[in-house]
Amino acid sequence: MTSSGRVLPTFPNAQYVVQKTSLDEAMRPNERSGRYYRADDFEPLVENDQINIVSGSKEIAKGVWVEPTPGPTAGHQIVIAEGPTGKYAFLGTLIPTSMHLCPQVVTAADWNPEATGRAKIEIKRHAVREGWQVGPVGCDEWVRAEELESITAFSTDMLFDAKSDVPVKTRVREGIEAAA
């Protein structure tokens, strides 16, 4: 901030890649999303031409892509980077903690819980299929996608049907075994 009170970008040489829908929402928030956006966070970047607006999937540097994953916010995106040891995906607020690995668990501020759940399922499938390493998922290190289910803090075994005290997954497993 200058002595006159003008807010300046913290990183004046950086370029910020933002989905168009995200910037639109920040500039014209609705009643619900208004508390999450501060003009001081993005207006200096717009004024200094530091925002690279994209719509959809885009390679932003050699081997680095942004991929829209709407749900947590209208313009949420993940970053996927390919290097000599494989692909890495930064999942942002899609799966910020191990508890959020469960598709039914979303943040209180989630824009569209159903879209978030679908995006989690699809991203996890894709990550396992392609052998990605992912973060953050409540760990301080990258996690191999095929190991995600083993670190889920909120196990689907703990989901109960309102009519029963038996976990849903246990009942489903027992039903499959009984049918066999």
N, C-alpha and C. Protein backbone atom coordinates (compact mmCIF):
# COMPACT_ATOMS: atom_id res chain seq x y z
N MET A 1 0.85 -1.16 0.00
CA MET A 1 0.00 0.00 0.00
C MET A 1 0.91 1.24 0.00
N THR A 2 0.53 2.19 -0.80
CA THR A 2 1.30 3.44 -0.87
C THR A 2 0.91 4.36 0.28
N SER A 3 1.66 5.43 0.45
CA SER A 3 1.35 6.39 1.51
C SER A 3 0.00 7.07 1.27
N SER A 4 -0.47 7.08 0.04
CA SER A 4 -1.77 7.67 -0.27
C SER A 4 -2.92 6.67 -0.08
N GLY A 5 -2.58 5.41 0.30
CA GLY A 5 -3.61 4.40 0.54
C GLY A 5 -3.92 3.51 -0.64
N ARG A 6 -3.22 3.70 -1.75
CA ARG A 6 -3.46 2.87 -2.92
C ARG A 6 -2.86 1.48 -2.70
N VAL A 7 -3.64 0.44 -2.97
CA VAL A 7 -3.17 -0.93 -2.81
C VAL A 7 -2.38 -1.32 -4.04
N LEU A 8 -1.20 -1.90 -3.81
CA LEU A 8 -0.33 -2.36 -4.90
C LEU A 8 -0.23 -3.88 -4.88
N PRO A 9 -0.01 -4.48 -6.02
CA PRO A 9 0.17 -5.94 -6.04
C PRO A 9 1.39 -6.35 -5.22
N THR A 10 1.26 -7.44 -4.51
CA THR A 10 2.38 -7.96 -3.72
C THR A 10 3.51 -8.44 -4.62
N PHE A 11 3.12 -9.07 -5.74
CA PHE A 11 4.09 -9.59 -6.70
C PHE A 11 3.88 -8.86 -8.02
N PRO A 12 4.52 -7.73 -8.22
CA PRO A 12 4.24 -6.89 -9.39
C PRO A 12 4.63 -7.50 -10.73
N ASN A 13 5.46 -8.52 -10.75
CA ASN A 13 5.87 -9.14 -12.02
C ASN A 13 5.12 -10.43 -12.32
N ALA A 14 4.25 -10.85 -11.42
CA ALA A 14 3.53 -12.12 -11.60
C ALA A 14 2.34 -11.94 -12.54
N GLN A 15 1.98 -13.03 -13.19
CA GLN A 15 0.76 -13.10 -13.98
C GLN A 15 -0.15 -14.10 -13.27
N TYR A 16 -1.42 -13.76 -13.16
CA TYR A 16 -2.40 -14.58 -12.47
C TYR A 16 -3.38 -15.13 -13.50
N VAL A 17 -3.52 -16.45 -13.53
CA VAL A 17 -4.42 -17.10 -14.48
C VAL A 17 -5.75 -17.34 -13.76
N VAL A 18 -6.81 -16.75 -14.31
CA VAL A 18 -8.11 -16.77 -13.66
C VAL A 18 -9.18 -17.15 -14.69
N GLN A 19 -10.08 -18.04 -14.29
CA GLN A 19 -11.22 -18.36 -15.15
C GLN A 19 -12.11 -17.13 -15.26
N LYS A 20 -12.63 -16.87 -16.43
CA LYS A 20 -13.50 -15.71 -16.66
C LYS A 20 -14.67 -15.69 -15.69
N THR A 21 -15.28 -16.87 -15.47
CA THR A 21 -16.42 -16.93 -14.56
C THR A 21 -16.03 -16.53 -13.13
N SER A 22 -14.82 -16.82 -12.73
CA SER A 22 -14.36 -16.46 -11.40
C SER A 22 -14.18 -14.95 -11.27
N LEU A 23 -13.54 -14.34 -12.26
CA LEU A 23 -13.36 -12.89 -12.21
C LEU A 23 -14.70 -12.17 -12.30
N ASP A 24 -15.60 -12.67 -13.15
CA ASP A 24 -16.93 -12.07 -13.24
C ASP A 24 -17.64 -12.09 -11.89
N GLU A 25 -17.55 -13.23 -11.20
CA GLU A 25 -18.20 -13.34 -9.90
C GLU A 25 -17.55 -12.41 -8.87
N ALA A 26 -16.24 -12.30 -8.92
CA ALA A 26 -15.54 -11.42 -7.98
C ALA A 26 -15.91 -9.96 -8.21
N MET A 27 -16.04 -9.58 -9.47
CA MET A 27 -16.35 -8.18 -9.79
C MET A 27 -17.82 -7.84 -9.56
N ARG A 28 -18.68 -8.85 -9.67
CA ARG A 28 -20.12 -8.64 -9.45
C ARG A 28 -20.67 -9.77 -8.60
N PRO A 29 -20.26 -9.82 -7.32
CA PRO A 29 -20.70 -10.93 -6.48
C PRO A 29 -22.19 -10.84 -6.16
N ASN A 30 -22.77 -12.01 -5.93
CA ASN A 30 -24.17 -12.03 -5.49
C ASN A 30 -24.18 -11.90 -3.97
N GLU A 31 -25.36 -11.93 -3.41
CA GLU A 31 -25.50 -11.74 -1.96
C GLU A 31 -24.72 -12.79 -1.17
N ARG A 32 -24.75 -14.00 -1.63
CA ARG A 32 -24.06 -15.08 -0.91
C ARG A 32 -22.54 -15.02 -1.07
N SER A 33 -22.07 -14.75 -2.29
CA SER A 33 -20.62 -14.78 -2.53
C SER A 33 -19.92 -13.48 -2.19
N GLY A 34 -20.66 -12.42 -1.97
CA GLY A 34 -20.06 -11.11 -1.73
C GLY A 34 -19.07 -11.06 -0.59
N ARG A 35 -19.28 -11.86 0.44
CA ARG A 35 -18.37 -11.81 1.59
C ARG A 35 -17.02 -12.48 1.33
N TYR A 36 -16.91 -13.21 0.21
CA TYR A 36 -15.66 -13.90 -0.10
C TYR A 36 -14.72 -13.13 -1.00
N TYR A 37 -15.20 -12.04 -1.57
CA TYR A 37 -14.38 -11.27 -2.50
C TYR A 37 -14.14 -9.88 -1.97
N ARG A 38 -12.89 -9.43 -2.05
CA ARG A 38 -12.53 -8.06 -1.69
C ARG A 38 -11.91 -7.41 -2.92
N ALA A 39 -12.39 -6.26 -3.24
CA ALA A 39 -11.88 -5.55 -4.41
C ALA A 39 -10.36 -5.35 -4.33
N ASP A 40 -9.83 -5.16 -3.13
CA ASP A 40 -8.38 -4.97 -2.96
C ASP A 40 -7.59 -6.20 -3.37
N ASP A 41 -8.24 -7.35 -3.44
CA ASP A 41 -7.54 -8.58 -3.82
C ASP A 41 -7.33 -8.71 -5.32
N PHE A 42 -8.21 -8.12 -6.12
CA PHE A 42 -8.09 -8.32 -7.56
C PHE A 42 -8.02 -7.02 -8.38
N GLU A 43 -8.57 -5.92 -7.90
CA GLU A 43 -8.54 -4.69 -8.69
C GLU A 43 -7.13 -4.20 -9.01
N PRO A 44 -6.18 -4.24 -8.06
CA PRO A 44 -4.81 -3.85 -8.42
C PRO A 44 -4.21 -4.72 -9.52
N LEU A 45 -4.60 -6.00 -9.54
CA LEU A 45 -4.09 -6.90 -10.57
C LEU A 45 -4.70 -6.57 -11.93
N VAL A 46 -5.98 -6.24 -11.93
CA VAL A 46 -6.64 -5.83 -13.18
C VAL A 46 -6.02 -4.53 -13.68
N GLU A 47 -5.86 -3.56 -12.78
CA GLU A 47 -5.28 -2.26 -13.15
C GLU A 47 -3.88 -2.39 -13.71
N ASN A 48 -3.09 -3.33 -13.20
CA ASN A 48 -1.71 -3.53 -13.65
C ASN A 48 -1.58 -4.56 -14.77
N ASP A 49 -2.72 -4.98 -15.34
CA ASP A 49 -2.75 -5.94 -16.44
C ASP A 49 -1.99 -7.23 -16.09
N GLN A 50 -2.22 -7.73 -14.87
CA GLN A 50 -1.54 -8.94 -14.42
C GLN A 50 -2.44 -10.16 -14.46
N ILE A 51 -3.68 -10.01 -14.89
CA ILE A 51 -4.60 -11.14 -14.92
C ILE A 51 -4.71 -11.67 -16.34
N ASN A 52 -4.47 -12.95 -16.47
CA ASN A 52 -4.63 -13.66 -17.73
C ASN A 52 -5.95 -14.41 -17.63
N ILE A 53 -6.97 -13.92 -18.31
CA ILE A 53 -8.30 -14.51 -18.23
C ILE A 53 -8.42 -15.65 -19.23
N VAL A 54 -8.88 -16.80 -18.72
CA VAL A 54 -9.10 -17.98 -19.56
C VAL A 54 -10.54 -18.45 -19.39
N SER A 55 -10.99 -19.18 -20.36
CA SER A 55 -12.31 -19.82 -20.29
C SER A 55 -12.13 -21.28 -20.63
N GLY A 56 -12.23 -22.14 -19.60
CA GLY A 56 -12.07 -23.57 -19.83
C GLY A 56 -10.64 -24.04 -19.63
N SER A 57 -10.35 -25.21 -20.18
CA SER A 57 -9.02 -25.80 -20.07
C SER A 57 -8.03 -25.01 -20.91
N LYS A 58 -6.81 -24.85 -20.37
CA LYS A 58 -5.81 -24.08 -21.12
C LYS A 58 -4.42 -24.46 -20.65
N GLU A 59 -3.53 -24.68 -21.62
CA GLU A 59 -2.13 -24.86 -21.26
C GLU A 59 -1.55 -23.46 -21.06
N ILE A 60 -1.07 -23.18 -19.85
CA ILE A 60 -0.61 -21.82 -19.52
C ILE A 60 0.91 -21.70 -19.58
N ALA A 61 1.59 -22.82 -19.60
CA ALA A 61 3.04 -22.89 -19.79
C ALA A 61 3.31 -24.31 -20.25
N LYS A 62 4.48 -24.55 -20.79
CA LYS A 62 4.78 -25.89 -21.30
C LYS A 62 4.60 -26.91 -20.16
N GLY A 63 3.63 -27.83 -20.38
CA GLY A 63 3.38 -28.88 -19.40
C GLY A 63 2.55 -28.47 -18.19
N VAL A 64 1.97 -27.27 -18.22
CA VAL A 64 1.15 -26.80 -17.09
C VAL A 64 -0.21 -26.35 -17.63
N TRP A 65 -1.28 -26.94 -17.07
CA TRP A 65 -2.64 -26.63 -17.51
C TRP A 65 -3.48 -26.17 -16.33
N VAL A 66 -4.49 -25.38 -16.66
CA VAL A 66 -5.57 -25.14 -15.71
C VAL A 66 -6.79 -25.85 -16.26
N GLU A 67 -7.55 -26.44 -15.36
CA GLU A 67 -8.73 -27.22 -15.73
C GLU A 67 -9.89 -26.76 -14.85
N PRO A 68 -10.98 -26.29 -15.46
CA PRO A 68 -12.10 -25.84 -14.63
C PRO A 68 -12.73 -27.00 -13.86
N THR A 69 -13.03 -26.76 -12.61
CA THR A 69 -13.72 -27.73 -11.76
C THR A 69 -14.77 -26.98 -10.96
N PRO A 70 -15.82 -26.52 -11.64
CA PRO A 70 -16.84 -25.75 -10.93
C PRO A 70 -17.49 -26.57 -9.83
N GLY A 71 -17.88 -25.88 -8.82
CA GLY A 71 -18.50 -26.51 -7.67
C GLY A 71 -18.20 -25.68 -6.45
N PRO A 72 -16.93 -25.70 -5.98
CA PRO A 72 -16.63 -24.84 -4.82
C PRO A 72 -16.96 -23.37 -5.11
N THR A 73 -16.63 -22.92 -6.31
CA THR A 73 -17.02 -21.60 -6.82
C THR A 73 -17.32 -21.78 -8.30
N ALA A 74 -18.00 -20.81 -8.88
CA ALA A 74 -18.35 -20.92 -10.30
C ALA A 74 -17.11 -21.05 -11.18
N GLY A 75 -16.03 -20.38 -10.82
CA GLY A 75 -14.84 -20.39 -11.65
C GLY A 75 -13.68 -21.15 -11.06
N HIS A 76 -13.94 -22.10 -10.17
CA HIS A 76 -12.84 -22.86 -9.56
C HIS A 76 -12.07 -23.62 -10.64
N GLN A 77 -10.77 -23.72 -10.43
CA GLN A 77 -9.93 -24.47 -11.36
C GLN A 77 -8.86 -25.21 -10.57
N ILE A 78 -8.37 -26.29 -11.15
CA ILE A 78 -7.22 -26.98 -10.60
C ILE A 78 -6.06 -26.75 -11.56
N VAL A 79 -4.86 -26.96 -11.06
CA VAL A 79 -3.65 -26.81 -11.87
C VAL A 79 -3.01 -28.19 -12.00
N ILE A 80 -2.71 -28.58 -13.23
CA ILE A 80 -2.08 -29.86 -13.50
C ILE A 80 -0.74 -29.58 -14.17
N ALA A 81 0.31 -30.16 -13.62
CA ALA A 81 1.65 -29.96 -14.18
C ALA A 81 2.28 -31.31 -14.48
N GLU A 82 2.90 -31.41 -15.64
CA GLU A 82 3.56 -32.65 -16.03
C GLU A 82 5.07 -32.42 -16.01
N GLY A 83 5.74 -33.31 -15.31
CA GLY A 83 7.19 -33.22 -15.20
C GLY A 83 7.83 -34.56 -15.48
N PRO A 84 9.13 -34.66 -15.30
CA PRO A 84 9.83 -35.90 -15.61
C PRO A 84 9.41 -37.08 -14.74
N THR A 85 8.83 -36.80 -13.56
CA THR A 85 8.42 -37.89 -12.67
C THR A 85 6.92 -38.13 -12.69
N GLY A 86 6.18 -37.48 -13.58
CA GLY A 86 4.75 -37.72 -13.69
C GLY A 86 3.93 -36.45 -13.66
N LYS A 87 2.61 -36.63 -13.45
CA LYS A 87 1.69 -35.51 -13.39
C LYS A 87 1.34 -35.19 -11.94
N TYR A 88 1.25 -33.90 -11.67
CA TYR A 88 0.89 -33.40 -10.35
C TYR A 88 -0.32 -32.50 -10.51
N ALA A 89 -1.27 -32.63 -9.60
CA ALA A 89 -2.47 -31.80 -9.66
C ALA A 89 -2.67 -31.08 -8.33
N PHE A 90 -2.75 -29.76 -8.39
CA PHE A 90 -3.09 -28.96 -7.22
C PHE A 90 -4.60 -28.78 -7.24
N LEU A 91 -5.29 -29.31 -6.24
CA LEU A 91 -6.74 -29.39 -6.26
C LEU A 91 -7.46 -28.18 -5.65
N GLY A 92 -6.72 -27.25 -5.08
CA GLY A 92 -7.34 -26.04 -4.53
C GLY A 92 -8.40 -26.37 -3.49
N THR A 93 -9.54 -25.68 -3.56
CA THR A 93 -10.59 -25.91 -2.57
C THR A 93 -11.55 -27.02 -2.98
N LEU A 94 -11.25 -27.73 -4.05
CA LEU A 94 -12.07 -28.88 -4.42
C LEU A 94 -11.94 -29.96 -3.33
N ILE A 95 -10.70 -30.25 -2.94
CA ILE A 95 -10.43 -31.23 -1.88
C ILE A 95 -9.32 -30.65 -0.99
N PRO A 96 -9.68 -29.69 -0.13
CA PRO A 96 -8.66 -29.01 0.67
C PRO A 96 -8.12 -29.84 1.84
N THR A 97 -8.89 -30.83 2.31
CA THR A 97 -8.46 -31.68 3.42
C THR A 97 -8.85 -33.11 3.11
N SER A 98 -8.32 -34.05 3.89
CA SER A 98 -8.67 -35.45 3.67
C SER A 98 -10.15 -35.70 3.91
N MET A 99 -10.78 -34.94 4.78
CA MET A 99 -12.21 -35.11 5.02
C MET A 99 -13.00 -34.82 3.74
N HIS A 100 -12.50 -33.90 2.92
CA HIS A 100 -13.19 -33.51 1.69
C HIS A 100 -13.00 -34.49 0.54
N LEU A 101 -12.26 -35.57 0.76
CA LEU A 101 -12.16 -36.61 -0.26
C LEU A 101 -13.50 -37.28 -0.50
N CYS A 102 -14.33 -37.31 0.52
CA CYS A 102 -15.67 -37.88 0.41
C CYS A 102 -16.52 -36.91 -0.42
N PRO A 103 -17.13 -37.36 -1.52
CA PRO A 103 -17.89 -36.45 -2.39
C PRO A 103 -19.01 -35.70 -1.69
N GLN A 104 -19.56 -36.29 -0.62
CA GLN A 104 -20.67 -35.65 0.07
C GLN A 104 -20.23 -34.54 1.03
N VAL A 105 -18.94 -34.45 1.30
CA VAL A 105 -18.45 -33.44 2.25
C VAL A 105 -17.95 -32.23 1.46
N VAL A 106 -18.56 -31.08 1.71
CA VAL A 106 -18.19 -29.84 1.03
C VAL A 106 -18.00 -28.75 2.07
N THR A 107 -17.39 -27.65 1.66
CA THR A 107 -17.23 -26.52 2.57
C THR A 107 -18.56 -25.79 2.72
N ALA A 108 -18.71 -25.06 3.81
CA ALA A 108 -19.95 -24.31 4.05
C ALA A 108 -20.19 -23.27 2.97
N ALA A 109 -19.14 -22.79 2.35
CA ALA A 109 -19.26 -21.73 1.35
C ALA A 109 -19.41 -22.28 -0.07
N ASP A 110 -19.53 -23.59 -0.20
CA ASP A 110 -19.59 -24.21 -1.52
C ASP A 110 -20.72 -23.64 -2.37
N TRP A 111 -20.39 -23.27 -3.60
CA TRP A 111 -21.32 -22.64 -4.54
C TRP A 111 -22.36 -23.64 -5.05
N ASN A 112 -21.92 -24.87 -5.34
CA ASN A 112 -22.82 -25.87 -5.90
C ASN A 112 -22.37 -27.26 -5.41
N PRO A 113 -22.88 -27.71 -4.26
CA PRO A 113 -22.43 -28.97 -3.69
C PRO A 113 -22.54 -30.17 -4.63
N GLU A 114 -23.60 -30.22 -5.43
CA GLU A 114 -23.76 -31.36 -6.35
C GLU A 114 -22.65 -31.36 -7.41
N ALA A 115 -22.35 -30.19 -7.96
CA ALA A 115 -21.27 -30.09 -8.96
C ALA A 115 -19.93 -30.42 -8.32
N THR A 116 -19.72 -30.00 -7.07
CA THR A 116 -18.48 -30.31 -6.37
C THR A 116 -18.32 -31.81 -6.21
N GLY A 117 -19.38 -32.49 -5.79
CA GLY A 117 -19.32 -33.95 -5.62
C GLY A 117 -19.00 -34.65 -6.92
N ARG A 118 -19.65 -34.22 -8.01
CA ARG A 118 -19.37 -34.82 -9.32
C ARG A 118 -17.93 -34.55 -9.75
N ALA A 119 -17.46 -33.33 -9.53
CA ALA A 119 -16.09 -32.98 -9.92
C ALA A 119 -15.07 -33.80 -9.14
N LYS A 120 -15.32 -34.02 -7.85
CA LYS A 120 -14.40 -34.83 -7.03
C LYS A 120 -14.31 -36.25 -7.58
N ILE A 121 -15.45 -36.84 -7.85
CA ILE A 121 -15.48 -38.21 -8.36
C ILE A 121 -14.72 -38.30 -9.68
N GLU A 122 -15.00 -37.39 -10.60
CA GLU A 122 -14.37 -37.42 -11.92
C GLU A 122 -12.87 -37.15 -11.83
N ILE A 123 -12.47 -36.17 -11.05
CA ILE A 123 -11.03 -35.85 -10.92
C ILE A 123 -10.30 -37.02 -10.27
N LYS A 124 -10.86 -37.62 -9.24
CA LYS A 124 -10.20 -38.76 -8.60
C LYS A 124 -10.05 -39.92 -9.59
N ARG A 125 -11.11 -40.23 -10.35
CA ARG A 125 -11.02 -41.31 -11.36
C ARG A 125 -9.92 -41.02 -12.38
N HIS A 126 -9.93 -39.80 -12.88
CA HIS A 126 -8.95 -39.39 -13.89
C HIS A 126 -7.53 -39.48 -13.30
N ALA A 127 -7.39 -39.00 -12.07
CA ALA A 127 -6.07 -39.00 -11.42
C ALA A 127 -5.54 -40.41 -11.21
N VAL A 128 -6.41 -41.33 -10.82
CA VAL A 128 -6.00 -42.72 -10.63
C VAL A 128 -5.63 -43.34 -11.97
N ARG A 129 -6.48 -43.12 -12.96
CA ARG A 129 -6.25 -43.70 -14.30
C ARG A 129 -4.91 -43.24 -14.88
N GLU A 130 -4.55 -41.97 -14.65
CA GLU A 130 -3.31 -41.43 -15.23
C GLU A 130 -2.14 -41.42 -14.25
N GLY A 131 -2.35 -41.92 -13.03
CA GLY A 131 -1.24 -42.02 -12.08
C GLY A 131 -0.74 -40.69 -11.53
N TRP A 132 -1.65 -39.76 -11.32
CA TRP A 132 -1.25 -38.44 -10.80
C TRP A 132 -0.83 -38.51 -9.34
N GLN A 133 -0.09 -37.47 -8.97
CA GLN A 133 0.15 -37.14 -7.57
C GLN A 133 -0.72 -35.91 -7.32
N VAL A 134 -1.37 -35.83 -6.15
CA VAL A 134 -2.29 -34.74 -5.90
C VAL A 134 -2.02 -34.07 -4.55
N GLY A 135 -2.47 -32.85 -4.43
CA GLY A 135 -2.39 -32.09 -3.19
C GLY A 135 -3.28 -30.86 -3.33
N PRO A 136 -3.66 -30.13 -2.36
CA PRO A 136 -3.55 -30.57 -0.97
C PRO A 136 -4.70 -31.52 -0.66
N VAL A 137 -4.48 -32.44 0.19
CA VAL A 137 -5.56 -33.29 0.67
C VAL A 137 -5.38 -33.49 2.17
N GLY A 138 -4.97 -32.44 2.83
CA GLY A 138 -4.76 -32.51 4.27
C GLY A 138 -3.40 -33.06 4.64
N CYS A 139 -2.50 -33.18 3.68
CA CYS A 139 -1.15 -33.69 3.91
C CYS A 139 -0.14 -32.61 3.53
N ASP A 140 1.04 -32.75 4.07
CA ASP A 140 2.10 -31.80 3.73
C ASP A 140 2.91 -32.25 2.52
N GLU A 141 2.53 -33.35 1.93
CA GLU A 141 3.27 -33.84 0.77
C GLU A 141 2.29 -34.29 -0.32
N TRP A 142 2.82 -34.52 -1.49
CA TRP A 142 2.01 -35.02 -2.60
C TRP A 142 1.59 -36.44 -2.28
N VAL A 143 0.40 -36.80 -2.72
CA VAL A 143 -0.16 -38.13 -2.48
C VAL A 143 -0.46 -38.78 -3.82
N ARG A 144 -0.06 -40.04 -3.98
CA ARG A 144 -0.41 -40.77 -5.20
C ARG A 144 -1.92 -40.95 -5.23
N ALA A 145 -2.52 -40.71 -6.36
CA ALA A 145 -3.98 -40.76 -6.48
C ALA A 145 -4.56 -42.09 -6.02
N GLU A 146 -3.88 -43.19 -6.31
CA GLU A 146 -4.43 -44.49 -5.91
C GLU A 146 -4.42 -44.68 -4.39
N GLU A 147 -3.74 -43.80 -3.66
CA GLU A 147 -3.72 -43.89 -2.19
C GLU A 147 -4.76 -42.99 -1.53
N LEU A 148 -5.50 -42.22 -2.31
CA LEU A 148 -6.44 -41.26 -1.73
C LEU A 148 -7.45 -41.90 -0.78
N GLU A 149 -8.04 -43.00 -1.17
CA GLU A 149 -9.07 -43.61 -0.32
C GLU A 149 -8.51 -44.07 1.02
N SER A 150 -7.24 -44.43 1.06
CA SER A 150 -6.66 -44.90 2.32
C SER A 150 -6.42 -43.77 3.31
N ILE A 151 -6.45 -42.52 2.86
CA ILE A 151 -6.22 -41.42 3.80
C ILE A 151 -7.49 -40.63 4.10
N THR A 152 -8.61 -41.11 3.61
CA THR A 152 -9.87 -40.42 3.86
C THR A 152 -10.15 -40.38 5.35
N ALA A 153 -10.21 -39.18 5.90
CA ALA A 153 -10.48 -39.01 7.33
C ALA A 153 -11.95 -39.29 7.64
N PHE A 154 -12.80 -39.13 6.67
CA PHE A 154 -14.24 -39.34 6.85
C PHE A 154 -14.62 -40.52 5.98
N SER A 155 -14.57 -41.69 6.55
CA SER A 155 -14.81 -42.90 5.79
C SER A 155 -16.28 -43.03 5.41
N THR A 156 -16.53 -43.51 4.21
CA THR A 156 -17.91 -43.74 3.80
C THR A 156 -18.52 -44.86 4.62
N ASP A 157 -17.71 -45.64 5.35
CA ASP A 157 -18.26 -46.64 6.27
C ASP A 157 -19.03 -45.96 7.39
N MET A 158 -18.78 -44.68 7.60
CA MET A 158 -19.43 -43.96 8.68
C MET A 158 -20.73 -43.29 8.23
N LEU A 159 -21.12 -43.45 7.00
CA LEU A 159 -22.38 -42.88 6.53
C LEU A 159 -23.51 -43.83 6.91
N PHE A 160 -24.48 -43.29 7.63
CA PHE A 160 -25.59 -44.11 8.10
C PHE A 160 -26.87 -43.71 7.40
N ASP A 161 -27.70 -44.70 7.14
CA ASP A 161 -29.04 -44.46 6.63
C ASP A 161 -29.88 -43.99 7.83
N ALA A 162 -30.78 -43.04 7.60
CA ALA A 162 -31.60 -42.50 8.67
C ALA A 162 -32.47 -43.57 9.33
N LYS A 163 -32.75 -44.69 8.64
CA LYS A 163 -33.64 -45.73 9.17
C LYS A 163 -32.87 -46.86 9.85
N SER A 164 -31.55 -46.78 9.91
CA SER A 164 -30.78 -47.89 10.41
C SER A 164 -29.53 -47.39 11.12
N ASP A 165 -29.04 -48.19 12.06
CA ASP A 165 -27.78 -47.82 12.71
C ASP A 165 -26.61 -48.59 12.11
N VAL A 166 -26.85 -49.26 10.97
CA VAL A 166 -25.80 -50.00 10.27
C VAL A 166 -25.25 -49.11 9.16
N PRO A 167 -23.94 -48.97 9.11
CA PRO A 167 -23.36 -48.13 8.04
C PRO A 167 -23.82 -48.57 6.66
N VAL A 168 -24.09 -47.61 5.78
CA VAL A 168 -24.58 -47.88 4.43
C VAL A 168 -23.63 -48.80 3.69
N LYS A 169 -22.34 -48.53 3.72
CA LYS A 169 -21.38 -49.33 2.97
C LYS A 169 -21.39 -50.78 3.45
N THR A 170 -21.55 -50.98 4.77
CA THR A 170 -21.60 -52.34 5.31
C THR A 170 -22.83 -53.06 4.79
N ARG A 171 -23.99 -52.38 4.79
CA ARG A 171 -25.22 -53.00 4.30
C ARG A 171 -25.10 -53.34 2.82
N VAL A 172 -24.49 -52.44 2.03
CA VAL A 172 -24.33 -52.71 0.60
C VAL A 172 -23.41 -53.92 0.40
N ARG A 173 -22.30 -53.96 1.13
CA ARG A 173 -21.35 -55.07 1.02
C ARG A 173 -22.03 -56.38 1.42
N GLU A 174 -22.80 -56.37 2.53
CA GLU A 174 -23.48 -57.58 2.97
C GLU A 174 -24.52 -58.03 1.94
N GLY A 175 -25.22 -57.05 1.31
CA GLY A 175 -26.20 -57.39 0.29
C GLY A 175 -25.56 -58.04 -0.92
N ILE A 176 -24.40 -57.56 -1.31
CA ILE A 176 -23.68 -58.13 -2.44
C ILE A 176 -23.23 -59.56 -2.11
N GLU A 177 -22.69 -59.73 -0.88
CA GLU A 177 -22.23 -61.06 -0.46
C GLU A 177 -23.41 -62.03 -0.39
N ALA A 178 -24.56 -61.58 0.12
CA ALA A 178 -25.73 -62.45 0.25
C ALA A 178 -26.25 -62.86 -1.13
N ALA A 179 -26.12 -61.99 -2.11
CA ALA A 179 -26.60 -62.26 -3.47
C ALA A 179 -25.69 -63.22 -4.21
N ALA A 180 -24.45 -63.30 -3.76
CA ALA A 180 -23.47 -64.14 -4.47
C ALA A 180 -23.65 -65.62 -4.23
